[in-house]
């Protein structure tokens, strides 16, 4: 999974949420560094979706985050479901192949019922 078009704090929120619902190669305290350059910064993580997603509370983002997920159809669907349990998401694009899929998602703060 790759996260871009956001400040490092929002990338950290996404990775922290992923660690709450799945197992990831990023430690919970592995804060994405800020980029000093003017180009687009992309942060990446490998996520193990072999177990069903755990329940987690919604997380707050300061702005929309672009997430690109890639893998087998089943894995992408499970990762999408895990992210949807924490964030509101919109699929903004996808590419499908014979055995795998890539989906570009827009993550925003999920409305919290009062």
PDB file of N, CA and C in Angstrom:
ATOM      1  N   UNK A   1       0.844  -1.158   0.000  1.00  0.00           N
ATOM      2  CA  UNK A   1       0.000   0.000   0.000  1.00  0.00           C
ATOM      3  C   UNK A   1       0.894   1.226   0.000  1.00  0.00           C
ATOM      4  N   UNK A   2       0.503   2.239  -0.765  1.00  0.00           N
ATOM      5  CA  UNK A   2       1.239   3.496  -0.821  1.00  0.00           C
ATOM      6  C   UNK A   2       0.296   4.636  -0.463  1.00  0.00           C
ATOM      7  N   UNK A   3       0.813   5.603   0.282  1.00  0.00           N
ATOM      8  CA  UNK A   3       0.041   6.765   0.717  1.00  0.00           C
ATOM      9  C   UNK A   3       0.755   8.007   0.202  1.00  0.00           C
ATOM     10  N   UNK A   4      -0.010   8.938  -0.383  1.00  0.00           N
ATOM     11  CA  UNK A   4       0.599  10.154  -0.925  1.00  0.00           C
ATOM     12  C   UNK A   4      -0.392  11.306  -0.859  1.00  0.00           C
ATOM     13  N   UNK A   5       0.065  12.461  -1.336  1.00  0.00           N
ATOM     14  CA  UNK A   5      -0.768  13.670  -1.402  1.00  0.00           C
ATOM     15  C   UNK A   5      -1.308  14.066  -0.035  1.00  0.00           C
ATOM     16  N   UNK A   6      -0.449  13.981   0.990  1.00  0.00           N
ATOM     17  CA  UNK A   6      -0.895  14.331   2.338  1.00  0.00           C
ATOM     18  C   UNK A   6       0.312  14.711   3.190  1.00  0.00           C
ATOM     19  N   UNK A   7       0.059  15.388   4.315  1.00  0.00           N
ATOM     20  CA  UNK A   7       1.159  15.667   5.240  1.00  0.00           C
ATOM     21  C   UNK A   7       1.582  14.385   5.965  1.00  0.00           C
ATOM     22  N   UNK A   8       2.806  14.347   6.490  1.00  0.00           N
ATOM     23  CA  UNK A   8       3.281  13.147   7.178  1.00  0.00           C
ATOM     24  C   UNK A   8       2.377  12.719   8.338  1.00  0.00           C
ATOM     25  N   UNK A   9       1.755  13.680   9.004  1.00  0.00           N
ATOM     26  CA  UNK A   9       0.876  13.354  10.132  1.00  0.00           C
ATOM     27  C   UNK A   9      -0.313  12.509   9.664  1.00  0.00           C
ATOM     28  N   UNK A  10      -0.866  12.832   8.502  1.00  0.00           N
ATOM     29  CA  UNK A  10      -1.985  12.049   7.982  1.00  0.00           C
ATOM     30  C   UNK A  10      -1.517  10.671   7.511  1.00  0.00           C
ATOM     31  N   UNK A  11      -0.320  10.602   6.926  1.00  0.00           N
ATOM     32  CA  UNK A  11       0.232   9.294   6.552  1.00  0.00           C
ATOM     33  C   UNK A  11       0.390   8.434   7.803  1.00  0.00           C
ATOM     34  N   UNK A  12       0.875   9.031   8.883  1.00  0.00           N
ATOM     35  CA  UNK A  12       1.019   8.303  10.146  1.00  0.00           C
ATOM     36  C   UNK A  12      -0.340   7.827  10.658  1.00  0.00           C
ATOM     37  N   UNK A  13      -1.372   8.655  10.523  1.00  0.00           N
ATOM     38  CA  UNK A  13      -2.720   8.263  10.948  1.00  0.00           C
ATOM     39  C   UNK A  13      -3.205   7.056  10.155  1.00  0.00           C
ATOM     40  N   UNK A  14      -2.965   7.058   8.854  1.00  0.00           N
ATOM     41  CA  UNK A  14      -3.379   5.927   8.014  1.00  0.00           C
ATOM     42  C   UNK A  14      -2.619   4.663   8.406  1.00  0.00           C
ATOM     43  N   UNK A  15      -1.299   4.755   8.570  1.00  0.00           N
ATOM     44  CA  UNK A  15      -0.517   3.574   8.928  1.00  0.00           C
ATOM     45  C   UNK A  15      -0.871   3.074  10.326  1.00  0.00           C
ATOM     46  N   UNK A  16      -1.140   3.982  11.241  1.00  0.00           N
ATOM     47  CA  UNK A  16      -1.565   3.595  12.587  1.00  0.00           C
ATOM     48  C   UNK A  16      -2.899   2.857  12.536  1.00  0.00           C
ATOM     49  N   UNK A  17      -3.817   3.347  11.715  1.00  0.00           N
ATOM     50  CA  UNK A  17      -5.113   2.682  11.556  1.00  0.00           C
ATOM     51  C   UNK A  17      -4.930   1.298  10.942  1.00  0.00           C
ATOM     52  N   UNK A  18      -4.050   1.191   9.954  1.00  0.00           N
ATOM     53  CA  UNK A  18      -3.779  -0.120   9.346  1.00  0.00           C
ATOM     54  C   UNK A  18      -3.252  -1.104  10.378  1.00  0.00           C
ATOM     55  N   UNK A  19      -2.366  -0.637  11.257  1.00  0.00           N
ATOM     56  CA  UNK A  19      -1.832  -1.508  12.299  1.00  0.00           C
ATOM     57  C   UNK A  19      -2.895  -1.909  13.305  1.00  0.00           C
ATOM     58  N   UNK A  20      -3.959  -1.132  13.409  1.00  0.00           N
ATOM     59  CA  UNK A  20      -5.050  -1.482  14.321  1.00  0.00           C
ATOM     60  C   UNK A  20      -5.953  -2.561  13.725  1.00  0.00           C
ATOM     61  N   UNK A  21      -6.035  -2.628  12.401  1.00  0.00           N
ATOM     62  CA  UNK A  21      -6.948  -3.598  11.776  1.00  0.00           C
ATOM     63  C   UNK A  21      -6.234  -4.792  11.122  1.00  0.00           C
ATOM     64  N   UNK A  22      -4.980  -4.629  10.756  1.00  0.00           N
ATOM     65  CA  UNK A  22      -4.196  -5.696  10.127  1.00  0.00           C
ATOM     66  C   UNK A  22      -2.781  -5.688  10.701  1.00  0.00           C
ATOM     67  N   UNK A  23      -1.961  -6.606  10.221  1.00  0.00           N
ATOM     68  CA  UNK A  23      -0.539  -6.627  10.543  1.00  0.00           C
ATOM     69  C   UNK A  23       0.191  -5.962   9.383  1.00  0.00           C
ATOM     70  N   UNK A  24       1.145  -5.092   9.711  1.00  0.00           N
ATOM     71  CA  UNK A  24       1.864  -4.334   8.694  1.00  0.00           C
ATOM     72  C   UNK A  24       3.360  -4.403   8.980  1.00  0.00           C
ATOM     73  N   UNK A  25       4.169  -4.091   7.963  1.00  0.00           N
ATOM     74  CA  UNK A  25       5.612  -4.055   8.175  1.00  0.00           C
ATOM     75  C   UNK A  25       6.079  -2.738   8.786  1.00  0.00           C
ATOM     76  N   UNK A  26       5.166  -1.823   9.046  1.00  0.00           N
ATOM     77  CA  UNK A  26       5.522  -0.549   9.684  1.00  0.00           C
ATOM     78  C   UNK A  26       5.174  -0.625  11.160  1.00  0.00           C
ATOM     79  N   UNK A  27       6.128  -0.303  12.005  1.00  0.00           N
ATOM     80  CA  UNK A  27       5.867  -0.248  13.444  1.00  0.00           C
ATOM     81  C   UNK A  27       4.913   0.909  13.725  1.00  0.00           C
ATOM     82  N   UNK A  28       4.134   0.774  14.776  1.00  0.00           N
ATOM     83  CA  UNK A  28       3.158   1.813  15.118  1.00  0.00           C
ATOM     84  C   UNK A  28       3.831   3.165  15.320  1.00  0.00           C
ATOM     85  N   UNK A  29       5.045   3.171  15.863  1.00  0.00           N
ATOM     86  CA  UNK A  29       5.742   4.442  16.113  1.00  0.00           C
ATOM     87  C   UNK A  29       6.659   4.850  14.956  1.00  0.00           C
ATOM     88  N   UNK A  30       6.556   4.185  13.820  1.00  0.00           N
ATOM     89  CA  UNK A  30       7.365   4.500  12.639  1.00  0.00           C
ATOM     90  C   UNK A  30       6.730   5.669  11.894  1.00  0.00           C
ATOM     91  N   UNK A  31       7.041   6.880  12.352  1.00  0.00           N
ATOM     92  CA  UNK A  31       6.444   8.083  11.770  1.00  0.00           C
ATOM     93  C   UNK A  31       7.080   8.386  10.412  1.00  0.00           C
ATOM     94  N   UNK A  32       6.260   8.605   9.388  1.00  0.00           N
ATOM     95  CA  UNK A  32       6.801   8.971   8.075  1.00  0.00           C
ATOM     96  C   UNK A  32       7.542  10.303   8.158  1.00  0.00           C
ATOM     97  N   UNK A  33       8.741  10.378   7.611  1.00  0.00           N
ATOM     98  CA  UNK A  33       9.486  11.637   7.651  1.00  0.00           C
ATOM     99  C   UNK A  33       8.891  12.671   6.700  1.00  0.00           C
ATOM    100  N   UNK A  34       9.086  13.923   7.042  1.00  0.00           N
ATOM    101  CA  UNK A  34       8.647  15.011   6.175  1.00  0.00           C
ATOM    102  C   UNK A  34       9.653  15.148   5.042  1.00  0.00           C
ATOM    103  N   UNK A  35       9.170  15.423   3.857  1.00  0.00           N
ATOM    104  CA  UNK A  35      10.042  15.590   2.704  1.00  0.00           C
ATOM    105  C   UNK A  35      10.398  17.059   2.552  1.00  0.00           C
ATOM    106  N   UNK A  36      11.671  17.333   2.370  1.00  0.00           N
ATOM    107  CA  UNK A  36      12.112  18.715   2.207  1.00  0.00           C
ATOM    108  C   UNK A  36      11.982  19.184   0.760  1.00  0.00           C
ATOM    109  N   UNK A  37      11.777  18.262  -0.156  1.00  0.00           N
ATOM    110  CA  UNK A  37      11.706  18.603  -1.572  1.00  0.00           C
ATOM    111  C   UNK A  37      10.347  19.135  -1.973  1.00  0.00           C
ATOM    112  N   UNK A  38      10.245  19.500  -3.242  1.00  0.00           N
ATOM    113  CA  UNK A  38       8.990  20.050  -3.755  1.00  0.00           C
ATOM    114  C   UNK A  38       8.168  19.009  -4.504  1.00  0.00           C
ATOM    115  N   UNK A  39       8.706  17.817  -4.691  1.00  0.00           N
ATOM    116  CA  UNK A  39       7.983  16.770  -5.410  1.00  0.00           C
ATOM    117  C   UNK A  39       6.972  16.072  -4.516  1.00  0.00           C
ATOM    118  N   UNK A  40       6.301  15.103  -5.087  1.00  0.00           N
ATOM    119  CA  UNK A  40       5.317  14.312  -4.350  1.00  0.00           C
ATOM    120  C   UNK A  40       6.050  13.289  -3.493  1.00  0.00           C
ATOM    121  N   UNK A  41       5.654  13.183  -2.235  1.00  0.00           N
ATOM    122  CA  UNK A  41       6.220  12.185  -1.333  1.00  0.00           C
ATOM    123  C   UNK A  41       5.252  11.015  -1.231  1.00  0.00           C
ATOM    124  N   UNK A  42       5.791   9.817  -1.334  1.00  0.00           N
ATOM    125  CA  UNK A  42       4.987   8.603  -1.230  1.00  0.00           C
ATOM    126  C   UNK A  42       5.565   7.762  -0.096  1.00  0.00           C
ATOM    127  N   UNK A  43       4.701   7.327   0.821  1.00  0.00           N
ATOM    128  CA  UNK A  43       5.097   6.434   1.908  1.00  0.00           C
ATOM    129  C   UNK A  43       4.459   5.086   1.638  1.00  0.00           C
ATOM    130  N   UNK A  44       5.174   4.006   1.926  1.00  0.00           N
ATOM    131  CA  UNK A  44       4.659   2.681   1.587  1.00  0.00           C
ATOM    132  C   UNK A  44       4.694   1.737   2.784  1.00  0.00           C
ATOM    133  N   UNK A  45       3.821   0.743   2.729  1.00  0.00           N
ATOM    134  CA  UNK A  45       3.777  -0.314   3.737  1.00  0.00           C
ATOM    135  C   UNK A  45       3.288  -1.588   3.071  1.00  0.00           C
ATOM    136  N   UNK A  46       3.738  -2.707   3.593  1.00  0.00           N
ATOM    137  CA  UNK A  46       3.226  -4.003   3.180  1.00  0.00           C
ATOM    138  C   UNK A  46       2.270  -4.463   4.267  1.00  0.00           C
ATOM    139  N   UNK A  47       1.079  -4.883   3.871  1.00  0.00           N
ATOM    140  CA  UNK A  47       0.025  -5.226   4.823  1.00  0.00           C
ATOM    141  C   UNK A  47      -0.367  -6.686   4.632  1.00  0.00           C
ATOM    142  N   UNK A  48      -0.442  -7.419   5.738  1.00  0.00           N
ATOM    143  CA  UNK A  48      -0.873  -8.817   5.717  1.00  0.00           C
ATOM    144  C   UNK A  48      -2.376  -8.853   5.977  1.00  0.00           C
ATOM    145  N   UNK A  49      -3.146  -9.237   4.978  1.00  0.00           N
ATOM    146  CA  UNK A  49      -4.606  -9.262   5.109  1.00  0.00           C
ATOM    147  C   UNK A  49      -5.139 -10.694   5.200  1.00  0.00           C
ATOM    148  N   UNK A  50      -4.280 -11.641   5.585  1.00  0.00           N
ATOM    149  CA  UNK A  50      -4.721 -13.037   5.650  1.00  0.00           C
ATOM    150  C   UNK A  50      -5.766 -13.262   6.738  1.00  0.00           C
ATOM    151  N   UNK A  51      -5.735 -12.467   7.800  1.00  0.00           N
ATOM    152  CA  UNK A  51      -6.755 -12.552   8.854  1.00  0.00           C
ATOM    153  C   UNK A  51      -7.803 -11.476   8.608  1.00  0.00           C
ATOM    154  N   UNK A  52      -9.049 -11.726   9.014  1.00  0.00           N
ATOM    155  CA  UNK A  52     -10.078 -10.686   8.860  1.00  0.00           C
ATOM    156  C   UNK A  52      -9.671  -9.423   9.617  1.00  0.00           C
ATOM    157  N   UNK A  53     -10.109  -8.255   9.155  1.00  0.00           N
ATOM    158  CA  UNK A  53      -9.729  -7.019   9.843  1.00  0.00           C
ATOM    159  C   UNK A  53     -10.304  -6.966  11.257  1.00  0.00           C
ATOM    160  N   UNK A  54      -9.499  -6.464  12.180  1.00  0.00           N
ATOM    161  CA  UNK A  54      -9.962  -6.243  13.546  1.00  0.00           C
ATOM    162  C   UNK A  54     -10.812  -4.977  13.567  1.00  0.00           C
ATOM    163  N   UNK A  55     -11.614  -4.825  14.589  1.00  0.00           N
ATOM    164  CA  UNK A  55     -12.407  -3.603  14.713  1.00  0.00           C
ATOM    165  C   UNK A  55     -11.519  -2.475  15.222  1.00  0.00           C
ATOM    166  N   UNK A  56     -11.754  -1.282  14.713  1.00  0.00           N
ATOM    167  CA  UNK A  56     -10.989  -0.109  15.132  1.00  0.00           C
ATOM    168  C   UNK A  56     -11.886   1.112  15.049  1.00  0.00           C
ATOM    169  N   UNK A  57     -11.584   2.082  15.875  1.00  0.00           N
ATOM    170  CA  UNK A  57     -12.357   3.324  15.888  1.00  0.00           C
ATOM    171  C   UNK A  57     -11.980   4.180  14.687  1.00  0.00           C
ATOM    172  N   UNK A  58     -12.916   5.003  14.213  1.00  0.00           N
ATOM    173  CA  UNK A  58     -12.589   5.938  13.128  1.00  0.00           C
ATOM    174  C   UNK A  58     -11.420   6.839  13.522  1.00  0.00           C
ATOM    175  N   UNK A  59     -10.652   7.253  12.554  1.00  0.00           N
ATOM    176  CA  UNK A  59      -9.501   8.141  12.767  1.00  0.00           C
ATOM    177  C   UNK A  59      -9.740   9.445  12.031  1.00  0.00           C
ATOM    178  N   UNK A  60      -9.182  10.512  12.560  1.00  0.00           N
ATOM    179  CA  UNK A  60      -9.365  11.843  11.987  1.00  0.00           C
ATOM    180  C   UNK A  60      -8.157  12.222  11.124  1.00  0.00           C
ATOM    181  N   UNK A  61      -8.437  12.670   9.901  1.00  0.00           N
ATOM    182  CA  UNK A  61      -7.417  13.172   8.981  1.00  0.00           C
ATOM    183  C   UNK A  61      -7.579  14.678   8.849  1.00  0.00           C
ATOM    184  N   UNK A  62      -6.482  15.384   8.594  1.00  0.00           N
ATOM    185  CA  UNK A  62      -6.569  16.835   8.411  1.00  0.00           C
ATOM    186  C   UNK A  62      -7.006  17.204   6.995  1.00  0.00           C
ATOM    187  N   UNK A  63      -6.809  16.276   6.058  1.00  0.00           N
ATOM    188  CA  UNK A  63      -7.164  16.503   4.651  1.00  0.00           C
ATOM    189  C   UNK A  63      -7.315  15.140   3.985  1.00  0.00           C
ATOM    190  N   UNK A  64      -7.923  15.095   2.800  1.00  0.00           N
ATOM    191  CA  UNK A  64      -8.024  13.816   2.089  1.00  0.00           C
ATOM    192  C   UNK A  64      -6.641  13.222   1.807  1.00  0.00           C
ATOM    193  N   UNK A  65      -6.567  11.906   1.826  1.00  0.00           N
ATOM    194  CA  UNK A  65      -5.326  11.168   1.590  1.00  0.00           C
ATOM    195  C   UNK A  65      -5.545  10.241   0.397  1.00  0.00           C
ATOM    196  N   UNK A  66      -4.567  10.174  -0.492  1.00  0.00           N
ATOM    197  CA  UNK A  66      -4.614   9.238  -1.606  1.00  0.00           C
ATOM    198  C   UNK A  66      -3.892   7.962  -1.193  1.00  0.00           C
ATOM    199  N   UNK A  67      -4.572   6.834  -1.332  1.00  0.00           N
ATOM    200  CA  UNK A  67      -3.974   5.534  -1.023  1.00  0.00           C
ATOM    201  C   UNK A  67      -4.064   4.656  -2.267  1.00  0.00           C
ATOM    202  N   UNK A  68      -2.960   4.041  -2.612  1.00  0.00           N
ATOM    203  CA  UNK A  68      -2.929   3.105  -3.729  1.00  0.00           C
ATOM    204  C   UNK A  68      -2.669   1.721  -3.159  1.00  0.00           C
ATOM    205  N   UNK A  69      -3.583   0.800  -3.429  1.00  0.00           N
ATOM    206  CA  UNK A  69      -3.445  -0.570  -2.931  1.00  0.00           C
ATOM    207  C   UNK A  69      -3.321  -1.506  -4.121  1.00  0.00           C
ATOM    208  N   UNK A  70      -2.487  -2.521  -3.957  1.00  0.00           N
ATOM    209  CA  UNK A  70      -2.224  -3.434  -5.062  1.00  0.00           C
ATOM    210  C   UNK A  70      -2.089  -4.846  -4.526  1.00  0.00           C
ATOM    211  N   UNK A  71      -2.649  -5.795  -5.247  1.00  0.00           N
ATOM    212  CA  UNK A  71      -2.525  -7.197  -4.869  1.00  0.00           C
ATOM    213  C   UNK A  71      -3.582  -8.019  -5.573  1.00  0.00           C
ATOM    214  N   UNK A  72      -3.764  -9.234  -5.102  1.00  0.00           N
ATOM    215  CA  UNK A  72      -4.815 -10.086  -5.632  1.00  0.00           C
ATOM    216  C   UNK A  72      -6.175  -9.472  -5.346  1.00  0.00           C
ATOM    217  N   UNK A  73      -7.166  -9.875  -6.115  1.00  0.00           N
ATOM    218  CA  UNK A  73      -8.506  -9.294  -5.955  1.00  0.00           C
ATOM    219  C   UNK A  73      -9.016  -9.442  -4.528  1.00  0.00           C
ATOM    220  N   UNK A  74      -8.855 -10.622  -3.954  1.00  0.00           N
ATOM    221  CA  UNK A  74      -9.326 -10.886  -2.601  1.00  0.00           C
ATOM    222  C   UNK A  74      -8.610  -9.984  -1.594  1.00  0.00           C
ATOM    223  N   UNK A  75      -7.282  -9.846  -1.758  1.00  0.00           N
ATOM    224  CA  UNK A  75      -6.496  -9.031  -0.832  1.00  0.00           C
ATOM    225  C   UNK A  75      -6.885  -7.555  -0.927  1.00  0.00           C
ATOM    226  N   UNK A  76      -7.059  -7.054  -2.135  1.00  0.00           N
ATOM    227  CA  UNK A  76      -7.451  -5.650  -2.310  1.00  0.00           C
ATOM    228  C   UNK A  76      -8.831  -5.412  -1.708  1.00  0.00           C
ATOM    229  N   UNK A  77      -9.755  -6.341  -1.921  1.00  0.00           N
ATOM    230  CA  UNK A  77     -11.094  -6.192  -1.337  1.00  0.00           C
ATOM    231  C   UNK A  77     -11.041  -6.179   0.186  1.00  0.00           C
ATOM    232  N   UNK A  78     -10.234  -7.060   0.776  1.00  0.00           N
ATOM    233  CA  UNK A  78     -10.138  -7.113   2.238  1.00  0.00           C
ATOM    234  C   UNK A  78      -9.477  -5.848   2.785  1.00  0.00           C
ATOM    235  N   UNK A  79      -8.444  -5.366   2.125  1.00  0.00           N
ATOM    236  CA  UNK A  79      -7.789  -4.137   2.575  1.00  0.00           C
ATOM    237  C   UNK A  79      -8.741  -2.956   2.448  1.00  0.00           C
ATOM    238  N   UNK A  80      -9.485  -2.899   1.355  1.00  0.00           N
ATOM    239  CA  UNK A  80     -10.473  -1.837   1.160  1.00  0.00           C
ATOM    240  C   UNK A  80     -11.508  -1.872   2.295  1.00  0.00           C
ATOM    241  N   UNK A  81     -11.982  -3.057   2.655  1.00  0.00           N
ATOM    242  CA  UNK A  81     -12.965  -3.190   3.738  1.00  0.00           C
ATOM    243  C   UNK A  81     -12.376  -2.751   5.077  1.00  0.00           C
ATOM    244  N   UNK A  82     -11.130  -3.099   5.329  1.00  0.00           N
ATOM    245  CA  UNK A  82     -10.482  -2.667   6.568  1.00  0.00           C
ATOM    246  C   UNK A  82     -10.341  -1.160   6.641  1.00  0.00           C
ATOM    247  N   UNK A  83      -9.938  -0.540   5.538  1.00  0.00           N
ATOM    248  CA  UNK A  83      -9.827   0.923   5.503  1.00  0.00           C
ATOM    249  C   UNK A  83     -11.193   1.577   5.660  1.00  0.00           C
ATOM    250  N   UNK A  84     -12.221   0.981   5.056  1.00  0.00           N
ATOM    251  CA  UNK A  84     -13.574   1.548   5.130  1.00  0.00           C
ATOM    252  C   UNK A  84     -14.148   1.476   6.540  1.00  0.00           C
ATOM    253  N   UNK A  85     -13.597   0.609   7.377  1.00  0.00           N
ATOM    254  CA  UNK A  85     -14.076   0.551   8.757  1.00  0.00           C
ATOM    255  C   UNK A  85     -13.539   1.712   9.589  1.00  0.00           C
ATOM    256  N   UNK A  86     -12.499   2.374   9.092  1.00  0.00           N
ATOM    257  CA  UNK A  86     -11.849   3.451   9.839  1.00  0.00           C
ATOM    258  C   UNK A  86     -12.031   4.814   9.170  1.00  0.00           C
ATOM    259  N   UNK A  87     -12.062   4.833   7.844  1.00  0.00           N
ATOM    260  CA  UNK A  87     -12.180   6.075   7.079  1.00  0.00           C
ATOM    261  C   UNK A  87     -13.362   5.977   6.117  1.00  0.00           C
ATOM    262  N   UNK A  88     -13.856   7.117   5.694  1.00  0.00           N
ATOM    263  CA  UNK A  88     -14.768   7.135   4.548  1.00  0.00           C
ATOM    264  C   UNK A  88     -13.863   7.069   3.325  1.00  0.00           C
ATOM    265  N   UNK A  89     -14.218   6.247   2.355  1.00  0.00           N
ATOM    266  CA  UNK A  89     -13.351   6.152   1.186  1.00  0.00           C
ATOM    267  C   UNK A  89     -14.148   6.176  -0.099  1.00  0.00           C
ATOM    268  N   UNK A  90     -13.461   6.641  -1.116  1.00  0.00           N
ATOM    269  CA  UNK A  90     -14.030   6.704  -2.456  1.00  0.00           C
ATOM    270  C   UNK A  90     -12.993   6.119  -3.403  1.00  0.00           C
ATOM    271  N   UNK A  91     -13.417   5.215  -4.258  1.00  0.00           N
ATOM    272  CA  UNK A  91     -12.499   4.676  -5.253  1.00  0.00           C
ATOM    273  C   UNK A  91     -12.425   5.667  -6.402  1.00  0.00           C
ATOM    274  N   UNK A  92     -11.220   6.141  -6.693  1.00  0.00           N
ATOM    275  CA  UNK A  92     -11.054   7.143  -7.742  1.00  0.00           C
ATOM    276  C   UNK A  92     -10.436   6.558  -9.007  1.00  0.00           C
ATOM    277  N   UNK A  93     -10.034   5.300  -8.937  1.00  0.00           N
ATOM    278  CA  UNK A  93      -9.498   4.659 -10.125  1.00  0.00           C
ATOM    279  C   UNK A  93      -9.057   3.248  -9.816  1.00  0.00           C
ATOM    280  N   UNK A  94      -9.042   2.419 -10.842  1.00  0.00           N
ATOM    281  CA  UNK A  94      -8.539   1.062 -10.646  1.00  0.00           C
ATOM    282  C   UNK A  94      -8.069   0.494 -11.980  1.00  0.00           C
ATOM    283  N   UNK A  95      -7.149  -0.438 -11.871  1.00  0.00           N
ATOM    284  CA  UNK A  95      -6.637  -1.167 -13.018  1.00  0.00           C
ATOM    285  C   UNK A  95      -6.654  -2.634 -12.647  1.00  0.00           C
ATOM    286  N   UNK A  96      -7.210  -3.439 -13.508  1.00  0.00           N
ATOM    287  CA  UNK A  96      -7.315  -4.865 -13.218  1.00  0.00           C
ATOM    288  C   UNK A  96      -6.511  -5.669 -14.217  1.00  0.00           C
ATOM    289  N   UNK A  97      -5.848  -6.680 -13.696  1.00  0.00           N
ATOM    290  CA  UNK A  97      -5.121  -7.611 -14.544  1.00  0.00           C
ATOM    291  C   UNK A  97      -5.711  -8.995 -14.385  1.00  0.00           C
ATOM    292  N   UNK A  98      -5.003  -9.964 -14.893  1.00  0.00           N
ATOM    293  CA  UNK A  98      -5.474 -11.342 -14.843  1.00  0.00           C
ATOM    294  C   UNK A  98      -5.550 -11.865 -13.409  1.00  0.00           C
ATOM    295  N   UNK A  99      -4.540 -11.551 -12.604  1.00  0.00           N
ATOM    296  CA  UNK A  99      -4.455 -12.094 -11.250  1.00  0.00           C
ATOM    297  C   UNK A  99      -4.450 -11.034 -10.158  1.00  0.00           C
ATOM    298  N   UNK A 100      -4.294  -9.786 -10.512  1.00  0.00           N
ATOM    299  CA  UNK A 100      -4.233  -8.764  -9.469  1.00  0.00           C
ATOM    300  C   UNK A 100      -4.898  -7.473  -9.893  1.00  0.00           C
ATOM    301  N   UNK A 101      -5.051  -6.612  -8.921  1.00  0.00           N
ATOM    302  CA  UNK A 101      -5.754  -5.347  -9.119  1.00  0.00           C
ATOM    303  C   UNK A 101      -4.983  -4.240  -8.407  1.00  0.00           C
ATOM    304  N   UNK A 102      -5.070  -3.043  -8.958  1.00  0.00           N
ATOM    305  CA  UNK A 102      -4.557  -1.852  -8.295  1.00  0.00           C
ATOM    306  C   UNK A 102      -5.719  -0.888  -8.180  1.00  0.00           C
ATOM    307  N   UNK A 103      -5.943  -0.367  -6.986  1.00  0.00           N
ATOM    308  CA  UNK A 103      -7.038   0.579  -6.762  1.00  0.00           C
ATOM    309  C   UNK A 103      -6.481   1.837  -6.126  1.00  0.00           C
ATOM    310  N   UNK A 104      -6.928   2.975  -6.619  1.00  0.00           N
ATOM    311  CA  UNK A 104      -6.559   4.251  -6.020  1.00  0.00           C
ATOM    312  C   UNK A 104      -7.770   4.737  -5.234  1.00  0.00           C
ATOM    313  N   UNK A 105      -7.552   4.979  -3.943  1.00  0.00           N
ATOM    314  CA  UNK A 105      -8.626   5.359  -3.034  1.00  0.00           C
ATOM    315  C   UNK A 105      -8.376   6.739  -2.463  1.00  0.00           C
ATOM    316  N   UNK A 106      -9.442   7.428  -2.183  1.00  0.00           N
ATOM    317  CA  UNK A 106      -9.368   8.725  -1.502  1.00  0.00           C
ATOM    318  C   UNK A 106      -9.954   8.498  -0.112  1.00  0.00           C
ATOM    319  N   UNK A 107      -9.137   8.708   0.909  1.00  0.00           N
ATOM    320  CA  UNK A 107      -9.550   8.512   2.297  1.00  0.00           C
ATOM    321  C   UNK A 107      -9.846   9.858   2.937  1.00  0.00           C
ATOM    322  N   UNK A 108     -10.952   9.941   3.640  1.00  0.00           N
ATOM    323  CA  UNK A 108     -11.304  11.145   4.398  1.00  0.00           C
ATOM    324  C   UNK A 108     -11.811  10.706   5.766  1.00  0.00           C
ATOM    325  N   UNK A 109     -11.909  11.660   6.669  1.00  0.00           N
ATOM    326  CA  UNK A 109     -12.418  11.369   8.001  1.00  0.00           C
ATOM    327  C   UNK A 109     -13.850  10.880   7.902  1.00  0.00           C
ATOM    328  N   UNK A 110     -14.113   9.785   8.563  1.00  0.00           N
ATOM    329  CA  UNK A 110     -15.461   9.207   8.574  1.00  0.00           C
ATOM    330  C   UNK A 110     -16.332  10.022   9.530  1.00  0.00           C
ATOM    331  N   UNK A 111     -17.541  10.400   9.092  1.00  0.00           N
ATOM    332  CA  UNK A 111     -18.443  11.126   9.998  1.00  0.00           C
ATOM    333  C   UNK A 111     -18.735  10.264  11.229  1.00  0.00           C
ATOM    334  N   UNK A 112     -18.661  10.873  12.383  1.00  0.00           N
ATOM    335  CA  UNK A 112     -18.916  10.167  13.634  1.00  0.00           C
ATOM    336  C   UNK A 112     -20.304  10.535  14.122  1.00  0.00           C
ATOM    337  N   UNK A 113     -21.129   9.516  14.343  1.00  0.00           N
ATOM    338  CA  UNK A 113     -22.506   9.753  14.806  1.00  0.00           C
ATOM    339  C   UNK A 113     -22.485  10.351  16.206  1.00  0.00           C
ATOM    340  N   UNK A 114     -23.365  11.311  16.421  1.00  0.00           N
ATOM    341  CA  UNK A 114     -23.413  11.975  17.728  1.00  0.00           C
ATOM    342  C   UNK A 114     -24.257  11.198  18.701  1.00  0.00           C
TER     343      UNK A 114
END
